[in-house]
Amino acid sequence: MSDQTRTGEVQAKPDPSSIGEIEARLQRRRIQREKSERISAIVYPALVMVALIGAWEAASRVFGVPQFLLPPPTVVAASMHEHANLLIKESLLTSAEIGLGFLLSIVVGVPLAFAIFLWPPFARAVYPLLIASQAVPKVAVAPLFLVWFGFGLLPKVLIAFLIAFFPVVINTAIGLASIEREKVYLAQSMGLGPMATFFKIRLPNALPSIFAGLKISITLAVVGAVVGEFVGGQGGLGHLLLVANGSMDTALLFGGIVALTFLGVVFFGIIAVVERMVLPPHAISAATGARESM
């Protein structure tokens, strides 16, 4: 090989410094894109919310809608400020019912899903009962809980649990069963036993589906807590809504709805934060993309 050929080969080799510069530029672009996506995920909904509130305020005043039918947002805000201590007090009680019902749905739902997945005879015996339990209106069951457990915290927690646990069971069982067989074969070829395969391969693969079920469950727990307070509550935001409705205080009624919405968003956000702490970003994005394509 001639010296000229060797010189050409040396010149054809890429410069390591230029490769590093390109990678750094791509990394900066990726970080900037992710930052802009996070900002847009907050700014766009906020702008839409501001536009809707502005349209609500303008329409209620321009068309002269009576305040007992549809109070303007400014009147609702003034009522919330006036009854701030009451809203905070009732929100704390409702939050306790939501949190306890949600935790109970995890404590019962996840082991039940494991049993359904691991033991097919148990699944055949229990799964129809789970479906039937969802066909029973929870409002019809709530009075029984009041008779059995009184008017305290327990019946509201149990109603929230009954409404919230089903998505936890179903999503966990589906997540455990949705793993590719190639991953299981790979684990077996590496000498992993059934328990090691379950905890190292199958359970991590099911986590995106489990967290999807938890997100659905926490929103349903809010509904369950309010249903319990509607039927026999002596406190909480649901009871406050009934009192405000009975006294035709529509502004306070809207204030209670806003407080309930805020609680639901906060609890959902907590689950989303825990999901981001537990799962890698690519798993979250893949799960989100799969749900959006459905």
Protein backbone atom coordinates (compact mmCIF):
# COMPACT_ATOMS: atom_id res chain seq x y z
CA MET A 1 0.00 0.00 0.00
CA SER A 2 1.42 3.39 -1.02
CA ASP A 3 1.95 6.36 1.25
CA GLN A 4 -0.67 8.31 -0.72
CA THR A 5 -3.32 5.64 -0.05
CA ARG A 6 -2.54 5.58 3.65
CA THR A 7 -2.73 9.36 3.75
CA GLY A 8 -6.17 9.25 2.11
CA GLU A 9 -7.38 6.70 4.69
CA VAL A 10 -6.17 8.88 7.53
CA GLN A 11 -7.95 11.88 6.07
CA ALA A 12 -11.16 9.85 5.62
CA LYS A 13 -11.37 9.00 9.31
CA PRO A 14 -13.91 11.18 11.17
CA ASP A 15 -12.64 13.65 13.68
CA PRO A 16 -13.57 12.50 17.23
CA SER A 17 -14.00 16.10 18.33
CA SER A 18 -16.55 16.77 15.57
CA ILE A 19 -18.49 13.61 16.52
CA GLY A 20 -18.62 14.74 20.14
CA GLU A 21 -19.79 18.18 19.06
CA ILE A 22 -22.59 16.68 16.96
CA GLU A 23 -23.71 14.44 19.81
CA ALA A 24 -23.68 17.38 22.21
CA ARG A 25 -25.75 19.43 19.76
CA LEU A 26 -28.28 16.62 19.37
CA GLN A 27 -28.46 16.24 23.15
CA ARG A 28 -29.13 19.95 23.57
CA ARG A 29 -31.86 19.82 20.93
CA ARG A 30 -33.48 16.84 22.63
CA ILE A 31 -33.42 18.57 26.02
CA GLN A 32 -34.85 21.75 24.48
CA ARG A 33 -37.60 19.79 22.73
CA GLU A 34 -38.56 17.97 25.94
CA LYS A 35 -38.58 21.27 27.83
CA SER A 36 -40.84 22.90 25.25
CA GLU A 37 -43.18 19.89 25.35
CA ARG A 38 -43.44 20.12 29.14
CA ILE A 39 -44.13 23.84 28.94
CA SER A 40 -46.76 23.41 26.23
CA ALA A 41 -48.45 20.63 28.25
CA ILE A 42 -49.03 23.23 30.99
CA VAL A 43 -49.52 26.44 29.00
CA TYR A 44 -52.03 25.19 26.41
CA PRO A 45 -54.56 23.75 28.89
CA ALA A 46 -54.15 26.87 31.06
CA LEU A 47 -54.93 29.12 28.10
CA VAL A 48 -57.99 27.05 27.20
CA MET A 49 -59.17 27.18 30.81
CA VAL A 50 -58.72 30.96 30.96
CA ALA A 51 -60.65 31.34 27.67
CA LEU A 52 -63.52 29.18 28.95
CA ILE A 53 -63.72 31.06 32.25
CA GLY A 54 -63.68 34.38 30.39
CA ALA A 55 -66.45 33.23 28.06
CA TRP A 56 -68.47 31.98 31.06
CA GLU A 57 -68.05 35.33 32.85
CA ALA A 58 -68.98 37.34 29.78
CA ALA A 59 -71.98 35.19 28.82
CA SER A 60 -73.45 35.18 32.33
CA ARG A 61 -73.28 38.97 32.54
CA VAL A 62 -74.19 39.85 28.97
CA PHE A 63 -77.25 37.60 28.89
CA GLY A 64 -78.23 38.42 32.48
CA VAL A 65 -78.35 34.82 33.69
CA PRO A 66 -79.66 34.72 37.29
CA GLN A 67 -76.93 33.87 39.77
CA PHE A 68 -78.95 31.06 41.33
CA LEU A 69 -78.87 29.34 37.94
CA LEU A 70 -75.35 30.09 36.75
CA PRO A 71 -73.21 32.43 38.85
CA PRO A 72 -70.24 34.12 37.15
CA PRO A 73 -66.77 32.79 37.99
CA THR A 74 -66.02 35.95 39.98
CA VAL A 75 -69.00 35.27 42.23
CA VAL A 76 -67.90 31.63 42.63
CA ALA A 77 -64.38 32.78 43.54
CA ALA A 78 -65.80 35.24 46.09
CA SER A 79 -67.93 32.49 47.64
CA MET A 80 -64.91 30.16 47.82
CA HIS A 81 -62.91 32.89 49.54
CA GLU A 82 -65.74 33.52 51.99
CA HIS A 83 -66.12 29.82 52.82
CA ALA A 84 -62.41 28.96 52.51
CA ASN A 85 -62.14 27.44 56.01
CA LEU A 86 -65.22 25.30 55.43
CA LEU A 87 -63.98 24.10 52.03
CA ILE A 88 -60.57 23.23 53.45
CA LYS A 89 -62.11 21.35 56.38
CA GLU A 90 -64.46 19.31 54.19
CA SER A 91 -61.73 18.73 51.61
CA LEU A 92 -59.49 17.16 54.24
CA LEU A 93 -62.22 14.71 55.22
CA THR A 94 -62.97 13.82 51.61
CA SER A 95 -59.23 13.45 50.92
CA ALA A 96 -58.95 10.94 53.76
CA GLU A 97 -61.82 8.91 52.32
CA ILE A 98 -60.32 9.02 48.83
CA GLY A 99 -56.83 8.10 50.00
CA LEU A 100 -57.93 5.24 52.24
CA GLY A 101 -60.29 3.82 49.62
CA PHE A 102 -57.56 4.01 46.98
CA LEU A 103 -54.96 2.36 49.23
CA LEU A 104 -57.43 -0.39 50.07
CA SER A 105 -58.03 -0.96 46.36
CA ILE A 106 -54.28 -1.46 45.90
CA VAL A 107 -53.93 -3.74 48.94
CA VAL A 108 -56.80 -5.94 47.74
CA GLY A 109 -56.65 -5.47 43.96
CA VAL A 110 -52.97 -6.17 43.23
CA PRO A 111 -52.75 -9.50 45.16
CA LEU A 112 -56.10 -10.49 43.66
CA ALA A 113 -54.74 -9.83 40.18
CA PHE A 114 -51.62 -11.87 40.99
CA ALA A 115 -53.84 -14.76 42.09
CA ILE A 116 -55.97 -14.47 38.95
CA PHE A 117 -52.88 -14.59 36.76
CA LEU A 118 -51.00 -17.34 38.61
CA TRP A 119 -53.91 -19.67 39.34
CA PRO A 120 -56.28 -20.23 36.37
CA PRO A 121 -58.93 -22.20 38.38
CA PHE A 122 -59.15 -19.26 40.79
CA ALA A 123 -59.50 -16.88 37.84
CA ARG A 124 -62.36 -18.92 36.37
CA ALA A 125 -64.13 -18.90 39.73
CA VAL A 126 -63.60 -15.25 40.68
CA TYR A 127 -63.58 -13.32 37.40
CA PRO A 128 -67.36 -13.63 36.76
CA LEU A 129 -67.99 -12.41 40.31
CA LEU A 130 -65.80 -9.37 39.67
CA ILE A 131 -67.79 -8.56 36.54
CA ALA A 132 -71.06 -8.98 38.43
CA SER A 133 -69.85 -6.71 41.23
CA GLN A 134 -69.40 -3.90 38.72
CA ALA A 135 -72.95 -4.33 37.44
CA VAL A 136 -74.38 -3.55 40.89
CA PRO A 137 -75.04 0.21 41.31
CA LYS A 138 -72.90 1.43 44.16
CA VAL A 139 -75.59 3.92 45.17
CA ALA A 140 -77.84 0.94 45.90
CA VAL A 141 -75.18 -0.71 48.07
CA ALA A 142 -74.29 2.44 50.01
CA PRO A 143 -77.38 2.35 52.31
CA LEU A 144 -76.47 -1.20 53.34
CA PHE A 145 -73.01 -0.05 54.37
CA LEU A 146 -74.57 2.70 56.44
CA VAL A 147 -76.75 0.14 58.23
CA TRP A 148 -73.82 -2.20 58.80
CA PHE A 149 -71.06 0.28 59.63
CA GLY A 150 -72.81 3.45 60.73
CA PHE A 151 -72.32 7.02 59.51
CA GLY A 152 -68.59 7.35 60.15
CA LEU A 153 -65.58 7.16 57.89
CA LEU A 154 -65.62 3.41 57.18
CA PRO A 155 -68.67 3.18 54.85
CA LYS A 156 -67.36 6.00 52.63
CA VAL A 157 -63.96 4.32 52.41
CA LEU A 158 -65.58 1.00 51.47
CA ILE A 159 -67.72 2.61 48.77
CA ALA A 160 -64.66 4.35 47.33
CA PHE A 161 -62.87 0.99 47.43
CA LEU A 162 -65.70 -0.84 45.65
CA ILE A 163 -65.70 1.66 42.81
CA ALA A 164 -61.91 2.00 42.54
CA PHE A 165 -60.53 -1.53 42.88
CA PHE A 166 -61.77 -3.02 39.58
CA PRO A 167 -59.38 -1.10 37.25
CA VAL A 168 -56.48 -2.08 39.52
CA VAL A 169 -57.33 -5.77 39.23
CA ILE A 170 -57.97 -5.78 35.49
CA ASN A 171 -55.00 -3.65 34.45
CA THR A 172 -52.61 -5.57 36.69
CA ALA A 173 -53.79 -8.93 35.37
CA ILE A 174 -53.60 -7.72 31.75
CA GLY A 175 -50.14 -6.27 32.31
CA LEU A 176 -48.84 -9.52 33.77
CA ALA A 177 -50.22 -11.52 30.85
CA SER A 178 -49.07 -9.15 28.09
CA ILE A 179 -45.36 -9.94 28.19
CA GLU A 180 -43.79 -11.30 25.01
CA ARG A 181 -43.01 -15.02 25.18
CA GLU A 182 -39.53 -14.35 23.85
CA LYS A 183 -38.65 -12.52 27.08
CA VAL A 184 -39.83 -15.48 29.15
CA TYR A 185 -37.85 -17.90 26.99
CA LEU A 186 -34.79 -15.67 27.32
CA ALA A 187 -35.14 -15.64 31.10
CA GLN A 188 -35.47 -19.42 31.17
CA SER A 189 -32.44 -19.83 28.94
CA MET A 190 -30.47 -17.70 31.42
CA GLY A 191 -31.38 -20.09 34.22
CA LEU A 192 -34.00 -17.93 35.98
CA GLY A 193 -36.64 -19.85 37.89
CA PRO A 194 -40.37 -19.06 37.86
CA MET A 195 -40.21 -16.66 40.84
CA ALA A 196 -37.14 -14.83 39.51
CA THR A 197 -38.75 -14.56 36.08
CA PHE A 198 -41.91 -13.16 37.64
CA PHE A 199 -40.22 -10.46 39.73
CA LYS A 200 -37.37 -9.56 37.34
CA ILE A 201 -39.10 -9.86 33.97
CA ARG A 202 -42.87 -10.14 34.14
CA LEU A 203 -43.64 -7.65 36.95
CA PRO A 204 -41.44 -4.80 35.60
CA ASN A 205 -43.02 -5.34 32.17
CA ALA A 206 -46.49 -4.99 33.75
CA LEU A 207 -45.75 -1.75 35.63
CA PRO A 208 -46.96 0.63 32.86
CA SER A 209 -50.30 -1.17 32.75
CA ILE A 210 -50.50 -1.23 36.56
CA PHE A 211 -49.94 2.52 36.78
CA ALA A 212 -52.57 3.08 34.10
CA GLY A 213 -55.02 1.20 36.29
CA LEU A 214 -53.97 3.24 39.33
CA LYS A 215 -54.65 6.48 37.48
CA ILE A 216 -58.14 5.32 36.59
CA SER A 217 -58.67 4.03 40.11
CA ILE A 218 -57.78 7.29 41.86
CA THR A 219 -60.33 9.24 39.80
CA LEU A 220 -63.00 6.64 40.58
CA ALA A 221 -62.10 6.81 44.27
CA VAL A 222 -63.10 10.48 44.20
CA VAL A 223 -66.47 9.47 42.77
CA GLY A 224 -66.88 6.76 45.40
CA ALA A 225 -66.15 9.09 48.29
CA VAL A 226 -68.70 11.61 47.01
CA VAL A 227 -71.31 8.88 46.51
CA GLY A 228 -70.84 7.78 50.12
CA GLU A 229 -71.19 11.36 51.35
CA PHE A 230 -74.29 11.87 49.24
CA VAL A 231 -76.02 8.84 50.73
CA GLY A 232 -75.21 9.23 54.41
CA GLY A 233 -72.42 11.65 55.01
CA GLN A 234 -72.23 14.04 57.92
CA GLY A 235 -69.29 15.89 56.43
CA GLY A 236 -67.06 16.12 53.39
CA LEU A 237 -67.44 17.91 50.09
CA GLY A 238 -70.29 15.65 48.99
CA HIS A 239 -72.29 16.60 52.07
CA LEU A 240 -71.41 20.25 51.45
CA LEU A 241 -72.80 19.99 47.92
CA LEU A 242 -76.08 18.66 49.29
CA VAL A 243 -76.31 21.47 51.84
CA ALA A 244 -75.51 24.12 49.23
CA ASN A 245 -78.06 22.62 46.84
CA GLY A 246 -80.73 22.58 49.54
CA SER A 247 -80.15 26.25 50.35
CA MET A 248 -79.94 27.22 46.64
CA ASP A 249 -76.41 28.54 47.19
CA THR A 250 -75.25 27.83 43.64
CA ALA A 251 -72.00 29.73 44.05
CA LEU A 252 -70.97 27.52 46.96
CA LEU A 253 -72.16 24.50 44.98
CA PHE A 254 -69.76 25.41 42.18
CA GLY A 255 -67.07 26.05 44.79
CA GLY A 256 -67.47 22.50 46.10
CA ILE A 257 -67.25 21.15 42.55
CA VAL A 258 -64.05 23.13 41.98
CA ALA A 259 -62.60 21.74 45.22
CA LEU A 260 -63.47 18.18 44.19
CA THR A 261 -61.89 18.73 40.79
CA PHE A 262 -58.76 20.09 42.45
CA LEU A 263 -58.55 17.02 44.70
CA GLY A 264 -58.89 14.68 41.73
CA VAL A 265 -56.16 16.49 39.80
CA VAL A 266 -53.82 16.51 42.82
CA PHE A 267 -54.25 12.78 43.48
CA PHE A 268 -53.82 12.01 39.79
CA GLY A 269 -50.67 14.13 39.73
CA ILE A 270 -49.25 12.25 42.71
CA ILE A 271 -49.70 8.94 40.88
CA ALA A 272 -48.09 10.43 37.76
CA VAL A 273 -45.09 11.63 39.78
CA VAL A 274 -44.64 8.21 41.38
CA GLU A 275 -44.90 6.63 37.93
CA ARG A 276 -42.10 8.85 36.62
CA MET A 277 -39.96 7.95 39.63
CA VAL A 278 -40.49 4.21 39.17
CA LEU A 279 -40.57 3.81 35.39
CA PRO A 280 -37.94 4.87 32.86
CA PRO A 281 -39.04 7.67 30.47
CA HIS A 282 -39.18 5.40 27.41
CA ALA A 283 -41.60 3.04 29.18
CA ILE A 284 -43.91 5.93 30.08
CA SER A 285 -43.85 7.32 26.55
CA ALA A 286 -44.47 3.87 25.07
CA ALA A 287 -47.42 3.27 27.38
CA THR A 288 -48.84 6.71 26.60
CA GLY A 289 -48.48 6.13 22.89
CA ALA A 290 -50.19 2.76 23.16
CA ARG A 291 -53.14 4.28 25.02
CA GLU A 292 -53.44 7.13 22.52
CA SER A 293 -53.48 4.68 19.59
CA MET A 294 -56.34 2.69 21.10
